[in-house]
Amino acid sequence: MIQLKRVYDAGAGKESKGDGTRFLVERLWPRGIKKVDLHFNAWLKDVAPSTALRQWFNHDPAKWKEFQKRYIAELDKNPEAVEPIRSAMRHGNVTFLYSSHDTEHNNAVALKTYLTTHHKAHEKTG
């Protein structure tokens, strides 16, 4: 199971029962968050959208579908970036930590969809 937690929400920085492996899935460190206050197992900068894609999207919901297509293409070209997540998923729950204010249109949501859709297929072939 993959859970999503926004780093700015109350309690999101601390580990909770059932979180499993906690990954920060942002290219940039979340503004205003102290590193000592955010408990995570790994910061996966390379699994986040490229700077160019992030800047193009600019959290515009009208660009959401196209953002997802472009982001999936980036992930498909960089399978080693998602391998730590795939590995953790084989052993238990995973929590993605993200900083976007939009809880429906962000890279953590797209990444969760990508992995839940492609993980089983990858397990069969990989």
N, C-alpha and C. Protein backbone atom coordinates (compact mmCIF):
# COMPACT_ATOMS: atom_id res chain seq x y z
N MET A 1 0.84 -1.18 0.00
CA MET A 1 0.00 0.00 0.00
C MET A 1 0.89 1.25 0.00
N ILE A 2 0.48 2.22 -0.77
CA ILE A 2 1.19 3.51 -0.82
C ILE A 2 0.28 4.57 -0.21
N GLN A 3 0.81 5.29 0.76
CA GLN A 3 0.10 6.41 1.37
C GLN A 3 0.79 7.71 0.95
N LEU A 4 0.03 8.79 0.98
CA LEU A 4 0.58 10.11 0.68
C LEU A 4 0.40 10.99 1.90
N LYS A 5 1.45 11.75 2.22
CA LYS A 5 1.37 12.71 3.32
C LYS A 5 2.02 14.01 2.89
N ARG A 6 1.28 15.08 3.08
CA ARG A 6 1.78 16.42 2.76
C ARG A 6 2.62 16.89 3.95
N VAL A 7 3.85 17.28 3.71
CA VAL A 7 4.78 17.59 4.80
C VAL A 7 4.32 18.75 5.67
N TYR A 8 3.46 19.60 5.15
CA TYR A 8 2.99 20.76 5.92
C TYR A 8 1.78 20.44 6.80
N ASP A 9 1.19 19.26 6.63
CA ASP A 9 0.03 18.89 7.45
C ASP A 9 0.49 18.48 8.84
N ALA A 10 -0.32 18.75 9.83
CA ALA A 10 0.00 18.42 11.22
C ALA A 10 0.33 16.94 11.35
N GLY A 11 1.45 16.66 11.96
CA GLY A 11 1.85 15.29 12.22
C GLY A 11 2.50 14.55 11.08
N ALA A 12 2.50 15.10 9.88
CA ALA A 12 3.04 14.39 8.72
C ALA A 12 4.55 14.17 8.81
N GLY A 13 5.24 15.04 9.53
CA GLY A 13 6.68 14.91 9.65
C GLY A 13 7.13 13.75 10.51
N LYS A 14 6.25 13.30 11.39
CA LYS A 14 6.57 12.20 12.29
C LYS A 14 6.07 10.88 11.72
N GLU A 15 6.79 9.83 12.06
CA GLU A 15 6.38 8.50 11.62
C GLU A 15 5.12 8.07 12.36
N SER A 16 4.25 7.39 11.63
CA SER A 16 3.03 6.84 12.20
C SER A 16 3.03 5.34 11.97
N LYS A 17 2.32 4.63 12.82
CA LYS A 17 2.19 3.19 12.64
C LYS A 17 1.56 2.94 11.27
N GLY A 18 2.12 2.04 10.53
CA GLY A 18 1.59 1.72 9.21
C GLY A 18 2.23 2.50 8.08
N ASP A 19 3.10 3.47 8.38
CA ASP A 19 3.75 4.25 7.32
C ASP A 19 4.68 3.39 6.47
N GLY A 20 5.33 2.45 7.09
CA GLY A 20 6.33 1.66 6.37
C GLY A 20 7.53 2.54 6.02
N THR A 21 8.06 2.35 4.84
CA THR A 21 9.20 3.13 4.39
C THR A 21 8.72 4.48 3.89
N ARG A 22 9.34 5.53 4.42
CA ARG A 22 8.92 6.90 4.09
C ARG A 22 9.93 7.53 3.14
N PHE A 23 9.41 7.96 1.98
CA PHE A 23 10.24 8.59 0.95
C PHE A 23 9.80 10.02 0.71
N LEU A 24 10.74 10.95 0.74
CA LEU A 24 10.48 12.31 0.28
C LEU A 24 10.65 12.27 -1.24
N VAL A 25 9.58 12.60 -1.96
CA VAL A 25 9.58 12.47 -3.43
C VAL A 25 9.54 13.84 -4.10
N GLU A 26 10.42 14.71 -3.66
CA GLU A 26 10.53 16.07 -4.17
C GLU A 26 11.96 16.32 -4.64
N ARG A 27 12.11 17.09 -5.69
CA ARG A 27 13.44 17.46 -6.17
C ARG A 27 14.06 18.53 -5.26
N LEU A 28 13.21 19.41 -4.73
CA LEU A 28 13.67 20.49 -3.86
C LEU A 28 13.21 20.23 -2.43
N TRP A 29 14.02 20.65 -1.47
CA TRP A 29 13.63 20.52 -0.07
C TRP A 29 12.42 21.42 0.21
N PRO A 30 11.42 20.93 0.94
CA PRO A 30 10.23 21.75 1.24
C PRO A 30 10.58 23.00 2.05
N ARG A 31 10.11 24.13 1.57
CA ARG A 31 10.38 25.41 2.23
C ARG A 31 9.83 25.42 3.65
N GLY A 32 10.64 25.94 4.56
CA GLY A 32 10.19 26.14 5.94
C GLY A 32 10.19 24.89 6.80
N ILE A 33 10.61 23.77 6.26
CA ILE A 33 10.65 22.52 7.02
C ILE A 33 12.10 22.25 7.41
N LYS A 34 12.33 22.06 8.70
CA LYS A 34 13.67 21.73 9.17
C LYS A 34 13.93 20.25 8.93
N LYS A 35 15.13 19.94 8.50
CA LYS A 35 15.47 18.55 8.21
C LYS A 35 15.30 17.66 9.44
N VAL A 36 15.55 18.19 10.61
CA VAL A 36 15.39 17.38 11.83
C VAL A 36 13.92 17.10 12.15
N ASP A 37 13.03 17.89 11.57
CA ASP A 37 11.59 17.73 11.85
C ASP A 37 10.88 16.80 10.88
N LEU A 38 11.56 16.36 9.83
CA LEU A 38 10.93 15.50 8.84
C LEU A 38 11.60 14.13 8.87
N HIS A 39 10.88 13.16 9.37
CA HIS A 39 11.41 11.80 9.48
C HIS A 39 11.12 11.04 8.19
N PHE A 40 12.18 10.59 7.53
CA PHE A 40 12.04 9.85 6.29
C PHE A 40 13.21 8.89 6.15
N ASN A 41 13.01 7.86 5.33
CA ASN A 41 14.06 6.87 5.11
C ASN A 41 15.00 7.28 3.99
N ALA A 42 14.45 7.93 2.97
CA ALA A 42 15.28 8.36 1.84
C ALA A 42 14.62 9.54 1.14
N TRP A 43 15.48 10.41 0.61
CA TRP A 43 15.03 11.53 -0.21
C TRP A 43 15.34 11.15 -1.65
N LEU A 44 14.30 10.86 -2.42
CA LEU A 44 14.47 10.38 -3.79
C LEU A 44 14.28 11.54 -4.78
N LYS A 45 15.30 12.35 -4.89
CA LYS A 45 15.24 13.51 -5.80
C LYS A 45 15.03 13.08 -7.25
N ASP A 46 15.66 11.97 -7.64
CA ASP A 46 15.61 11.55 -9.04
C ASP A 46 14.28 10.95 -9.46
N VAL A 47 13.41 10.63 -8.50
CA VAL A 47 12.09 10.12 -8.84
C VAL A 47 11.10 11.28 -9.05
N ALA A 48 11.48 12.45 -8.64
CA ALA A 48 10.65 13.64 -8.83
C ALA A 48 10.71 14.08 -10.29
N PRO A 49 9.71 14.84 -10.72
CA PRO A 49 9.75 15.35 -12.10
C PRO A 49 10.99 16.21 -12.34
N SER A 50 11.46 16.22 -13.56
CA SER A 50 12.60 17.07 -13.91
C SER A 50 12.25 18.53 -13.63
N THR A 51 13.27 19.34 -13.49
CA THR A 51 13.05 20.76 -13.26
C THR A 51 12.23 21.38 -14.39
N ALA A 52 12.55 21.00 -15.62
CA ALA A 52 11.82 21.55 -16.77
C ALA A 52 10.35 21.16 -16.72
N LEU A 53 10.05 19.91 -16.40
CA LEU A 53 8.66 19.48 -16.33
C LEU A 53 7.93 20.15 -15.17
N ARG A 54 8.59 20.23 -14.03
CA ARG A 54 7.98 20.87 -12.86
C ARG A 54 7.65 22.34 -13.15
N GLN A 55 8.56 23.03 -13.80
CA GLN A 55 8.34 24.44 -14.12
C GLN A 55 7.24 24.60 -15.18
N TRP A 56 7.20 23.71 -16.15
CA TRP A 56 6.15 23.76 -17.17
C TRP A 56 4.78 23.54 -16.53
N PHE A 57 4.67 22.53 -15.68
CA PHE A 57 3.39 22.21 -15.04
C PHE A 57 2.93 23.35 -14.13
N ASN A 58 3.82 23.84 -13.29
CA ASN A 58 3.54 24.97 -12.40
C ASN A 58 2.24 24.78 -11.62
N HIS A 59 1.94 23.54 -11.28
CA HIS A 59 0.74 23.18 -10.49
C HIS A 59 -0.56 23.71 -11.10
N ASP A 60 -0.62 23.70 -12.42
CA ASP A 60 -1.82 24.14 -13.15
C ASP A 60 -2.70 22.92 -13.42
N PRO A 61 -3.86 22.81 -12.74
CA PRO A 61 -4.73 21.65 -12.94
C PRO A 61 -5.14 21.43 -14.40
N ALA A 62 -5.17 22.48 -15.20
CA ALA A 62 -5.52 22.34 -16.61
C ALA A 62 -4.46 21.53 -17.37
N LYS A 63 -3.24 21.49 -16.85
CA LYS A 63 -2.15 20.74 -17.48
C LYS A 63 -1.96 19.34 -16.88
N TRP A 64 -2.84 18.94 -15.96
CA TRP A 64 -2.66 17.72 -15.18
C TRP A 64 -2.49 16.47 -16.06
N LYS A 65 -3.40 16.25 -17.01
CA LYS A 65 -3.32 15.03 -17.84
C LYS A 65 -2.01 14.98 -18.62
N GLU A 66 -1.64 16.10 -19.21
CA GLU A 66 -0.39 16.14 -19.98
C GLU A 66 0.81 15.99 -19.05
N PHE A 67 0.75 16.58 -17.87
CA PHE A 67 1.82 16.43 -16.88
C PHE A 67 2.04 14.96 -16.56
N GLN A 68 0.94 14.24 -16.31
CA GLN A 68 1.05 12.82 -15.97
C GLN A 68 1.72 12.03 -17.11
N LYS A 69 1.33 12.31 -18.34
CA LYS A 69 1.92 11.62 -19.49
C LYS A 69 3.42 11.88 -19.56
N ARG A 70 3.80 13.14 -19.42
CA ARG A 70 5.22 13.50 -19.50
C ARG A 70 6.01 12.92 -18.33
N TYR A 71 5.40 12.94 -17.15
CA TYR A 71 6.07 12.41 -15.95
C TYR A 71 6.26 10.90 -16.08
N ILE A 72 5.25 10.19 -16.56
CA ILE A 72 5.36 8.75 -16.77
C ILE A 72 6.48 8.45 -17.77
N ALA A 73 6.58 9.25 -18.81
CA ALA A 73 7.65 9.06 -19.79
C ALA A 73 9.02 9.23 -19.12
N GLU A 74 9.14 10.22 -18.24
CA GLU A 74 10.40 10.40 -17.51
C GLU A 74 10.70 9.20 -16.62
N LEU A 75 9.69 8.71 -15.93
CA LEU A 75 9.88 7.56 -15.04
C LEU A 75 10.26 6.31 -15.84
N ASP A 76 9.64 6.12 -16.97
CA ASP A 76 9.95 4.96 -17.82
C ASP A 76 11.39 5.01 -18.33
N LYS A 77 11.91 6.21 -18.54
CA LYS A 77 13.29 6.35 -19.01
C LYS A 77 14.32 6.20 -17.89
N ASN A 78 13.85 6.21 -16.63
CA ASN A 78 14.75 6.18 -15.48
C ASN A 78 14.27 5.14 -14.45
N PRO A 79 14.20 3.85 -14.85
CA PRO A 79 13.64 2.84 -13.95
C PRO A 79 14.43 2.66 -12.65
N GLU A 80 15.72 2.96 -12.67
CA GLU A 80 16.51 2.81 -11.44
C GLU A 80 16.08 3.80 -10.36
N ALA A 81 15.48 4.91 -10.76
CA ALA A 81 15.03 5.90 -9.78
C ALA A 81 13.89 5.36 -8.92
N VAL A 82 13.03 4.54 -9.51
CA VAL A 82 11.89 3.99 -8.76
C VAL A 82 12.20 2.67 -8.07
N GLU A 83 13.37 2.11 -8.33
CA GLU A 83 13.70 0.80 -7.75
C GLU A 83 13.68 0.78 -6.22
N PRO A 84 14.17 1.81 -5.52
CA PRO A 84 14.06 1.76 -4.05
C PRO A 84 12.60 1.67 -3.58
N ILE A 85 11.71 2.30 -4.31
CA ILE A 85 10.30 2.24 -3.95
C ILE A 85 9.74 0.86 -4.24
N ARG A 86 10.04 0.33 -5.42
CA ARG A 86 9.58 -1.03 -5.77
C ARG A 86 10.07 -2.04 -4.73
N SER A 87 11.31 -1.92 -4.33
CA SER A 87 11.89 -2.82 -3.34
C SER A 87 11.15 -2.71 -2.01
N ALA A 88 10.91 -1.49 -1.57
CA ALA A 88 10.19 -1.28 -0.31
C ALA A 88 8.76 -1.81 -0.38
N MET A 89 8.13 -1.68 -1.55
CA MET A 89 6.77 -2.17 -1.73
C MET A 89 6.70 -3.69 -1.59
N ARG A 90 7.77 -4.38 -1.93
CA ARG A 90 7.79 -5.84 -1.80
C ARG A 90 7.80 -6.26 -0.33
N HIS A 91 8.20 -5.34 0.55
CA HIS A 91 8.36 -5.68 1.97
C HIS A 91 7.33 -5.05 2.89
N GLY A 92 6.49 -4.17 2.35
CA GLY A 92 5.48 -3.56 3.22
C GLY A 92 4.97 -2.24 2.67
N ASN A 93 4.39 -1.47 3.56
CA ASN A 93 3.80 -0.19 3.19
C ASN A 93 4.88 0.83 2.82
N VAL A 94 4.44 1.80 2.03
CA VAL A 94 5.31 2.90 1.60
C VAL A 94 4.52 4.20 1.76
N THR A 95 5.20 5.23 2.22
CA THR A 95 4.58 6.55 2.35
C THR A 95 5.40 7.55 1.55
N PHE A 96 4.71 8.31 0.69
CA PHE A 96 5.35 9.38 -0.06
C PHE A 96 5.09 10.69 0.67
N LEU A 97 6.15 11.42 0.93
CA LEU A 97 6.07 12.75 1.52
C LEU A 97 6.24 13.77 0.40
N TYR A 98 5.34 14.73 0.35
CA TYR A 98 5.38 15.74 -0.72
C TYR A 98 5.03 17.09 -0.13
N SER A 99 5.27 18.15 -0.90
CA SER A 99 5.08 19.50 -0.37
C SER A 99 4.02 20.33 -1.09
N SER A 100 3.49 19.84 -2.18
CA SER A 100 2.52 20.61 -2.96
C SER A 100 1.29 21.00 -2.13
N HIS A 101 0.80 22.20 -2.38
CA HIS A 101 -0.43 22.65 -1.71
C HIS A 101 -1.65 21.96 -2.31
N ASP A 102 -1.58 21.61 -3.58
CA ASP A 102 -2.67 20.92 -4.26
C ASP A 102 -2.54 19.43 -3.97
N THR A 103 -3.48 18.89 -3.22
CA THR A 103 -3.40 17.49 -2.81
C THR A 103 -3.88 16.51 -3.87
N GLU A 104 -4.46 17.01 -4.96
CA GLU A 104 -4.97 16.13 -6.01
C GLU A 104 -4.12 16.14 -7.27
N HIS A 105 -3.40 17.22 -7.51
CA HIS A 105 -2.63 17.38 -8.75
C HIS A 105 -1.16 17.64 -8.40
N ASN A 106 -0.46 16.57 -8.06
CA ASN A 106 0.95 16.72 -7.72
C ASN A 106 1.71 15.45 -8.09
N ASN A 107 3.02 15.52 -8.06
CA ASN A 107 3.83 14.39 -8.50
C ASN A 107 3.67 13.16 -7.62
N ALA A 108 3.39 13.32 -6.33
CA ALA A 108 3.20 12.16 -5.45
C ALA A 108 1.97 11.37 -5.87
N VAL A 109 0.90 12.06 -6.23
CA VAL A 109 -0.32 11.40 -6.71
C VAL A 109 -0.02 10.66 -8.01
N ALA A 110 0.67 11.33 -8.93
CA ALA A 110 1.00 10.71 -10.22
C ALA A 110 1.95 9.52 -10.02
N LEU A 111 2.89 9.65 -9.12
CA LEU A 111 3.84 8.57 -8.85
C LEU A 111 3.12 7.37 -8.24
N LYS A 112 2.21 7.61 -7.32
CA LYS A 112 1.43 6.52 -6.72
C LYS A 112 0.64 5.79 -7.80
N THR A 113 -0.03 6.53 -8.67
CA THR A 113 -0.80 5.93 -9.75
C THR A 113 0.12 5.11 -10.66
N TYR A 114 1.24 5.68 -11.01
CA TYR A 114 2.21 4.99 -11.87
C TYR A 114 2.64 3.67 -11.24
N LEU A 115 3.02 3.70 -9.98
CA LEU A 115 3.53 2.48 -9.34
C LEU A 115 2.45 1.45 -9.08
N THR A 116 1.27 1.88 -8.69
CA THR A 116 0.22 0.91 -8.44
C THR A 116 -0.27 0.29 -9.74
N THR A 117 -0.17 1.02 -10.83
CA THR A 117 -0.57 0.50 -12.13
C THR A 117 0.52 -0.37 -12.73
N HIS A 118 1.77 0.03 -12.60
CA HIS A 118 2.87 -0.65 -13.26
C HIS A 118 3.63 -1.64 -12.37
N HIS A 119 3.44 -1.60 -11.05
CA HIS A 119 4.22 -2.45 -10.14
C HIS A 119 3.97 -3.93 -10.41
N LYS A 120 2.72 -4.34 -10.52
CA LYS A 120 2.42 -5.76 -10.73
C LYS A 120 2.96 -6.24 -12.07
N ALA A 121 2.83 -5.40 -13.10
CA ALA A 121 3.36 -5.76 -14.41
C ALA A 121 4.88 -5.90 -14.34
N HIS A 122 5.53 -5.00 -13.61
CA HIS A 122 6.98 -5.04 -13.45
C HIS A 122 7.40 -6.28 -12.68
N GLU A 123 6.65 -6.65 -11.66
CA GLU A 123 6.97 -7.84 -10.88
C GLU A 123 6.93 -9.10 -11.74
N LYS A 124 6.00 -9.13 -12.68
CA LYS A 124 5.87 -10.31 -13.54
C LYS A 124 7.02 -10.41 -14.55
N THR A 125 7.48 -9.23 -15.03
CA THR A 125 8.50 -9.23 -16.06
C THR A 125 9.89 -8.97 -15.51
N GLY A 126 9.97 -8.28 -14.38
CA GLY A 126 11.27 -7.88 -13.87
C GLY A 126 11.75 -8.78 -12.83
